[in-house]
Amino acid sequence: MKKAIWATFYHCTSTDSQPRHNLCPHGEKSWCFWNRAIALQEKEREENDRLQREKEEALGESSASCVSFYGKRKKPKTSFKMPSLKDMKIFFSLEKSDLDKVKQLYIRLTDEDLLKRCLQGKMQNLN
């Protein structure tokens, strides 16, 4: 639970020059656009390598002659460019003092006692 909470903080304070997505979920279906883009690029690269191996095996030729026979690899149809924050018109900018205040809230949110109470399903309202 703590990891998921801190993932949102670091995701929102990430920049193109300082990506901070190491706590965000990985994979093609991640809510984190950065990790989702990386996963999709890896999948395309693996698919291209698999197709290249199949062509080589079918022809029984070396990689060099196979590439010259087929020419350059075509770009995958599902090419996915890593979006930048500027392209997406997201401008999340806080002053250092404000960022420290937000960080203090996250520290309180990840307090062990608070999380234990949440696991019990108790609410603040006794009604």
N, C-alpha and C. Protein backbone atom coordinates (compact mmCIF):
# COMPACT_ATOMS: atom_id res chain seq x y z
N MET A 1 0.83 -1.19 0.00
CA MET A 1 0.00 0.00 0.00
C MET A 1 0.87 1.25 0.00
N LYS A 2 1.92 1.23 0.82
CA LYS A 2 2.82 2.39 0.87
C LYS A 2 3.43 2.66 -0.50
N LYS A 3 3.85 1.60 -1.16
CA LYS A 3 4.49 1.75 -2.47
C LYS A 3 3.53 2.41 -3.46
N ALA A 4 2.28 2.00 -3.46
CA ALA A 4 1.29 2.57 -4.37
C ALA A 4 1.05 4.05 -4.08
N ILE A 5 1.03 4.40 -2.81
CA ILE A 5 0.82 5.81 -2.44
C ILE A 5 2.00 6.66 -2.89
N TRP A 6 3.22 6.18 -2.61
CA TRP A 6 4.40 6.95 -3.00
C TRP A 6 4.57 6.99 -4.52
N ALA A 7 4.08 5.98 -5.21
CA ALA A 7 4.17 5.98 -6.68
C ALA A 7 3.46 7.19 -7.26
N THR A 8 2.32 7.55 -6.69
CA THR A 8 1.58 8.72 -7.20
C THR A 8 2.36 10.01 -6.96
N PHE A 9 3.02 10.11 -5.82
CA PHE A 9 3.81 11.32 -5.53
C PHE A 9 4.96 11.47 -6.52
N TYR A 10 5.74 10.40 -6.67
CA TYR A 10 6.90 10.49 -7.56
C TYR A 10 6.49 10.61 -9.02
N HIS A 11 5.39 9.98 -9.40
CA HIS A 11 4.90 10.09 -10.77
C HIS A 11 4.54 11.55 -11.08
N CYS A 12 3.84 12.20 -10.18
CA CYS A 12 3.40 13.58 -10.40
C CYS A 12 4.53 14.59 -10.31
N THR A 13 5.61 14.26 -9.63
CA THR A 13 6.73 15.19 -9.53
C THR A 13 7.83 14.85 -10.52
N SER A 14 7.58 13.91 -11.40
CA SER A 14 8.55 13.50 -12.40
C SER A 14 8.62 14.53 -13.53
N THR A 15 9.79 14.64 -14.14
CA THR A 15 9.97 15.51 -15.31
C THR A 15 10.67 14.70 -16.40
N ASP A 16 10.73 15.27 -17.60
CA ASP A 16 11.44 14.59 -18.68
C ASP A 16 12.93 14.44 -18.36
N SER A 17 13.49 15.46 -17.73
CA SER A 17 14.92 15.40 -17.41
C SER A 17 15.20 14.53 -16.19
N GLN A 18 14.22 14.39 -15.30
CA GLN A 18 14.36 13.55 -14.11
C GLN A 18 13.14 12.64 -13.97
N PRO A 19 13.06 11.58 -14.79
CA PRO A 19 11.92 10.68 -14.65
C PRO A 19 11.99 9.93 -13.32
N ARG A 20 10.85 9.83 -12.65
CA ARG A 20 10.80 9.18 -11.34
C ARG A 20 9.65 8.18 -11.33
N HIS A 21 9.72 7.21 -12.22
CA HIS A 21 8.62 6.27 -12.39
C HIS A 21 8.98 4.87 -11.89
N ASN A 22 10.02 4.75 -11.07
CA ASN A 22 10.45 3.43 -10.63
C ASN A 22 9.44 2.74 -9.71
N LEU A 23 8.57 3.49 -9.04
CA LEU A 23 7.55 2.88 -8.18
C LEU A 23 6.22 2.66 -8.90
N CYS A 24 6.08 3.26 -10.08
CA CYS A 24 4.84 3.11 -10.85
C CYS A 24 4.73 1.67 -11.36
N PRO A 25 3.51 1.18 -11.57
CA PRO A 25 3.35 -0.18 -12.11
C PRO A 25 3.92 -0.27 -13.52
N HIS A 26 4.45 -1.43 -13.84
CA HIS A 26 5.05 -1.66 -15.16
C HIS A 26 4.07 -2.43 -16.03
N GLY A 27 4.34 -2.46 -17.33
CA GLY A 27 3.53 -3.25 -18.25
C GLY A 27 2.69 -2.41 -19.19
N GLU A 28 2.10 -3.10 -20.17
CA GLU A 28 1.32 -2.44 -21.22
C GLU A 28 0.06 -1.78 -20.69
N LYS A 29 -0.47 -2.27 -19.58
CA LYS A 29 -1.74 -1.75 -19.07
C LYS A 29 -1.56 -0.85 -17.85
N SER A 30 -0.34 -0.37 -17.65
CA SER A 30 -0.05 0.50 -16.51
C SER A 30 -0.73 1.85 -16.68
N TRP A 31 -1.13 2.46 -15.57
CA TRP A 31 -1.68 3.81 -15.64
C TRP A 31 -0.58 4.84 -15.86
N CYS A 32 0.66 4.45 -15.66
CA CYS A 32 1.81 5.34 -15.86
C CYS A 32 2.19 5.35 -17.34
N PHE A 33 2.00 6.50 -18.00
CA PHE A 33 2.28 6.57 -19.43
C PHE A 33 3.74 6.27 -19.73
N TRP A 34 4.64 6.61 -18.86
CA TRP A 34 6.07 6.39 -19.09
C TRP A 34 6.39 4.90 -19.13
N ASN A 35 5.97 4.17 -18.11
CA ASN A 35 6.24 2.73 -18.06
C ASN A 35 5.45 1.97 -19.12
N ARG A 36 4.25 2.45 -19.45
CA ARG A 36 3.46 1.82 -20.50
C ARG A 36 4.18 1.95 -21.85
N ALA A 37 4.75 3.11 -22.12
CA ALA A 37 5.47 3.33 -23.37
C ALA A 37 6.70 2.43 -23.46
N ILE A 38 7.41 2.28 -22.36
CA ILE A 38 8.58 1.41 -22.34
C ILE A 38 8.17 -0.03 -22.61
N ALA A 39 7.10 -0.48 -22.00
CA ALA A 39 6.63 -1.86 -22.19
C ALA A 39 6.22 -2.10 -23.64
N LEU A 40 5.54 -1.15 -24.24
CA LEU A 40 5.12 -1.31 -25.63
C LEU A 40 6.31 -1.33 -26.58
N GLN A 41 7.33 -0.53 -26.31
CA GLN A 41 8.52 -0.54 -27.14
C GLN A 41 9.25 -1.87 -27.02
N GLU A 42 9.33 -2.43 -25.81
CA GLU A 42 9.97 -3.73 -25.60
C GLU A 42 9.23 -4.82 -26.37
N LYS A 43 7.91 -4.78 -26.32
CA LYS A 43 7.11 -5.78 -27.00
C LYS A 43 7.35 -5.72 -28.51
N GLU A 44 7.40 -4.52 -29.08
CA GLU A 44 7.65 -4.37 -30.51
C GLU A 44 9.04 -4.88 -30.88
N ARG A 45 10.04 -4.58 -30.05
CA ARG A 45 11.40 -5.03 -30.33
C ARG A 45 11.47 -6.56 -30.31
N GLU A 46 10.82 -7.18 -29.32
CA GLU A 46 10.81 -8.64 -29.24
C GLU A 46 10.12 -9.25 -30.45
N GLU A 47 9.01 -8.64 -30.88
CA GLU A 47 8.28 -9.14 -32.04
C GLU A 47 9.13 -9.03 -33.30
N ASN A 48 9.84 -7.92 -33.48
CA ASN A 48 10.71 -7.76 -34.64
C ASN A 48 11.83 -8.79 -34.64
N ASP A 49 12.43 -9.04 -33.46
CA ASP A 49 13.49 -10.04 -33.36
C ASP A 49 12.96 -11.44 -33.67
N ARG A 50 11.76 -11.76 -33.19
CA ARG A 50 11.16 -13.07 -33.46
C ARG A 50 10.91 -13.25 -34.95
N LEU A 51 10.37 -12.24 -35.60
CA LEU A 51 10.11 -12.32 -37.04
C LEU A 51 11.41 -12.47 -37.83
N GLN A 52 12.45 -11.77 -37.40
CA GLN A 52 13.74 -11.87 -38.08
C GLN A 52 14.30 -13.28 -37.95
N ARG A 53 14.20 -13.88 -36.76
CA ARG A 53 14.69 -15.25 -36.57
C ARG A 53 13.91 -16.24 -37.43
N GLU A 54 12.60 -16.06 -37.52
CA GLU A 54 11.78 -16.95 -38.35
C GLU A 54 12.18 -16.85 -39.82
N LYS A 55 12.44 -15.65 -40.29
CA LYS A 55 12.87 -15.47 -41.68
C LYS A 55 14.20 -16.17 -41.93
N GLU A 56 15.13 -16.00 -40.99
CA GLU A 56 16.44 -16.63 -41.13
C GLU A 56 16.33 -18.15 -41.14
N GLU A 57 15.51 -18.70 -40.25
CA GLU A 57 15.34 -20.15 -40.18
C GLU A 57 14.69 -20.68 -41.45
N ALA A 58 13.71 -19.95 -41.97
CA ALA A 58 13.01 -20.40 -43.18
C ALA A 58 13.94 -20.40 -44.38
N LEU A 59 14.81 -19.45 -44.47
CA LEU A 59 15.72 -19.36 -45.61
C LEU A 59 17.01 -20.13 -45.38
N GLY A 60 17.33 -20.41 -44.12
CA GLY A 60 18.57 -21.10 -43.80
C GLY A 60 19.78 -20.26 -44.14
N GLU A 61 19.64 -18.97 -44.02
CA GLU A 61 20.74 -18.07 -44.37
C GLU A 61 21.18 -17.30 -43.14
N SER A 62 22.30 -16.63 -43.30
CA SER A 62 22.81 -15.81 -42.19
C SER A 62 22.01 -14.52 -42.08
N SER A 63 22.20 -13.87 -41.01
CA SER A 63 21.49 -12.62 -40.75
C SER A 63 21.79 -11.57 -41.81
N ALA A 64 23.03 -11.49 -42.25
CA ALA A 64 23.41 -10.45 -43.21
C ALA A 64 22.71 -10.65 -44.55
N SER A 65 22.71 -11.88 -45.06
CA SER A 65 22.06 -12.10 -46.36
C SER A 65 20.55 -11.98 -46.24
N CYS A 66 20.02 -12.34 -45.09
CA CYS A 66 18.57 -12.22 -44.90
C CYS A 66 18.15 -10.76 -44.90
N VAL A 67 18.92 -9.92 -44.24
CA VAL A 67 18.59 -8.50 -44.20
C VAL A 67 18.72 -7.91 -45.59
N SER A 68 19.74 -8.32 -46.35
CA SER A 68 19.89 -7.77 -47.70
C SER A 68 18.77 -8.27 -48.60
N PHE A 69 18.28 -9.49 -48.38
CA PHE A 69 17.18 -10.03 -49.20
C PHE A 69 15.88 -9.29 -48.92
N TYR A 70 15.59 -9.07 -47.66
CA TYR A 70 14.34 -8.41 -47.29
C TYR A 70 14.46 -6.90 -47.22
N GLY A 71 15.67 -6.39 -47.28
CA GLY A 71 15.85 -4.95 -47.14
C GLY A 71 15.78 -4.56 -45.68
N LYS A 72 15.65 -3.29 -45.45
CA LYS A 72 15.57 -2.81 -44.07
C LYS A 72 14.25 -3.24 -43.45
N ARG A 73 14.28 -3.42 -42.14
CA ARG A 73 13.05 -3.77 -41.43
C ARG A 73 12.04 -2.65 -41.53
N LYS A 74 10.82 -3.05 -41.70
CA LYS A 74 9.75 -2.05 -41.70
C LYS A 74 9.46 -1.64 -40.27
N LYS A 75 9.03 -0.42 -40.14
CA LYS A 75 8.64 0.08 -38.83
C LYS A 75 7.34 -0.60 -38.41
N PRO A 76 7.22 -1.03 -37.18
CA PRO A 76 5.97 -1.66 -36.75
C PRO A 76 4.80 -0.70 -36.88
N LYS A 77 3.64 -1.27 -37.17
CA LYS A 77 2.44 -0.44 -37.32
C LYS A 77 2.04 0.23 -36.02
N THR A 78 2.34 -0.41 -34.92
CA THR A 78 1.93 0.13 -33.63
C THR A 78 3.07 0.91 -32.96
N SER A 79 3.82 1.63 -33.76
CA SER A 79 4.93 2.40 -33.22
C SER A 79 4.43 3.37 -32.16
N PHE A 80 5.11 3.40 -31.03
CA PHE A 80 4.66 4.21 -29.90
C PHE A 80 5.80 5.12 -29.49
N LYS A 81 5.62 6.42 -29.65
CA LYS A 81 6.64 7.39 -29.27
C LYS A 81 6.45 7.76 -27.81
N MET A 82 7.56 7.82 -27.09
CA MET A 82 7.52 8.21 -25.69
C MET A 82 7.00 9.64 -25.58
N PRO A 83 5.85 9.84 -24.97
CA PRO A 83 5.31 11.21 -24.88
C PRO A 83 6.10 12.04 -23.88
N SER A 84 6.24 13.29 -24.20
CA SER A 84 6.87 14.19 -23.23
C SER A 84 5.77 14.95 -22.51
N LEU A 85 6.10 15.45 -21.36
CA LEU A 85 5.10 16.19 -20.60
C LEU A 85 4.67 17.45 -21.34
N LYS A 86 5.59 18.07 -22.08
CA LYS A 86 5.24 19.26 -22.84
C LYS A 86 4.27 18.92 -23.95
N ASP A 87 4.49 17.78 -24.63
CA ASP A 87 3.58 17.35 -25.69
C ASP A 87 2.18 17.15 -25.15
N MET A 88 2.09 16.62 -23.95
CA MET A 88 0.78 16.35 -23.36
C MET A 88 0.20 17.58 -22.67
N LYS A 89 0.95 18.68 -22.70
CA LYS A 89 0.53 19.94 -22.10
C LYS A 89 0.19 19.79 -20.61
N ILE A 90 1.04 19.03 -19.94
CA ILE A 90 0.90 18.88 -18.50
C ILE A 90 2.00 19.70 -17.85
N PHE A 91 1.62 20.61 -17.03
CA PHE A 91 2.60 21.45 -16.35
C PHE A 91 2.35 21.34 -14.85
N PHE A 92 3.06 20.43 -14.23
CA PHE A 92 2.93 20.23 -12.79
C PHE A 92 4.16 20.85 -12.15
N SER A 93 4.00 22.03 -11.63
CA SER A 93 5.15 22.74 -11.09
C SER A 93 4.78 23.35 -9.75
N LEU A 94 5.51 22.96 -8.73
CA LEU A 94 5.31 23.52 -7.40
C LEU A 94 6.62 24.10 -6.90
N GLU A 95 6.48 25.13 -6.10
CA GLU A 95 7.66 25.67 -5.44
C GLU A 95 8.18 24.62 -4.45
N LYS A 96 9.46 24.71 -4.13
CA LYS A 96 10.08 23.75 -3.22
C LYS A 96 9.35 23.69 -1.87
N SER A 97 8.96 24.84 -1.35
CA SER A 97 8.27 24.85 -0.04
C SER A 97 6.90 24.17 -0.14
N ASP A 98 6.20 24.39 -1.25
CA ASP A 98 4.89 23.74 -1.43
C ASP A 98 5.05 22.23 -1.63
N LEU A 99 6.09 21.85 -2.35
CA LEU A 99 6.34 20.43 -2.58
C LEU A 99 6.66 19.73 -1.26
N ASP A 100 7.37 20.42 -0.38
CA ASP A 100 7.66 19.85 0.94
C ASP A 100 6.38 19.64 1.75
N LYS A 101 5.43 20.57 1.62
CA LYS A 101 4.15 20.43 2.32
C LYS A 101 3.37 19.23 1.79
N VAL A 102 3.38 19.06 0.48
CA VAL A 102 2.69 17.91 -0.12
C VAL A 102 3.37 16.62 0.33
N LYS A 103 4.69 16.64 0.39
CA LYS A 103 5.43 15.45 0.82
C LYS A 103 5.08 15.09 2.27
N GLN A 104 4.89 16.09 3.11
CA GLN A 104 4.50 15.84 4.50
C GLN A 104 3.14 15.15 4.57
N LEU A 105 2.23 15.53 3.67
CA LEU A 105 0.92 14.86 3.61
C LEU A 105 1.09 13.39 3.24
N TYR A 106 1.97 13.11 2.29
CA TYR A 106 2.22 11.73 1.88
C TYR A 106 2.84 10.93 3.02
N ILE A 107 3.70 11.56 3.79
CA ILE A 107 4.30 10.88 4.94
C ILE A 107 3.21 10.50 5.94
N ARG A 108 2.27 11.41 6.17
CA ARG A 108 1.16 11.11 7.08
C ARG A 108 0.25 10.03 6.50
N LEU A 109 0.03 10.07 5.18
CA LEU A 109 -0.83 9.07 4.54
C LEU A 109 -0.25 7.66 4.64
N THR A 110 1.07 7.57 4.66
CA THR A 110 1.72 6.25 4.70
C THR A 110 2.10 5.83 6.11
N ASP A 111 1.57 6.50 7.11
CA ASP A 111 1.82 6.14 8.50
C ASP A 111 1.27 4.74 8.78
N GLU A 112 2.06 3.94 9.48
CA GLU A 112 1.67 2.55 9.77
C GLU A 112 0.33 2.45 10.49
N ASP A 113 0.12 3.30 11.50
CA ASP A 113 -1.13 3.25 12.27
C ASP A 113 -2.34 3.56 11.40
N LEU A 114 -2.21 4.57 10.55
CA LEU A 114 -3.31 4.93 9.66
C LEU A 114 -3.63 3.79 8.69
N LEU A 115 -2.60 3.20 8.12
CA LEU A 115 -2.82 2.11 7.16
C LEU A 115 -3.43 0.88 7.84
N LYS A 116 -3.03 0.61 9.08
CA LYS A 116 -3.62 -0.53 9.80
C LYS A 116 -5.11 -0.31 10.04
N ARG A 117 -5.49 0.93 10.36
CA ARG A 117 -6.91 1.23 10.57
C ARG A 117 -7.69 1.09 9.26
N CYS A 118 -7.06 1.46 8.16
CA CYS A 118 -7.74 1.33 6.85
C CYS A 118 -7.97 -0.14 6.51
N LEU A 119 -7.03 -1.00 6.86
CA LEU A 119 -7.17 -2.42 6.57
C LEU A 119 -8.33 -3.05 7.33
N GLN A 120 -8.65 -2.51 8.50
CA GLN A 120 -9.75 -3.04 9.29
C GLN A 120 -11.10 -2.59 8.75
N GLY A 121 -11.11 -1.67 7.82
CA GLY A 121 -12.36 -1.20 7.22
C GLY A 121 -13.12 -0.22 8.08
N LYS A 122 -12.48 0.33 9.08
CA LYS A 122 -13.16 1.28 9.96
C LYS A 122 -13.22 2.65 9.30
N MET A 123 -14.29 3.37 9.61
CA MET A 123 -14.46 4.72 9.08
C MET A 123 -14.40 5.70 10.24
N GLN A 124 -14.19 6.95 9.89
CA GLN A 124 -14.16 7.99 10.91
C GLN A 124 -15.57 8.25 11.43
N ASN A 125 -16.56 8.13 10.57
CA ASN A 125 -17.95 8.38 10.94
C ASN A 125 -18.52 7.13 11.62
N LEU A 126 -19.01 7.25 12.84
CA LEU A 126 -19.52 6.11 13.59
C LEU A 126 -20.97 5.77 13.27
N ASN A 127 -21.64 6.58 12.45
CA ASN A 127 -23.06 6.32 12.12
C ASN A 127 -23.23 5.09 11.29
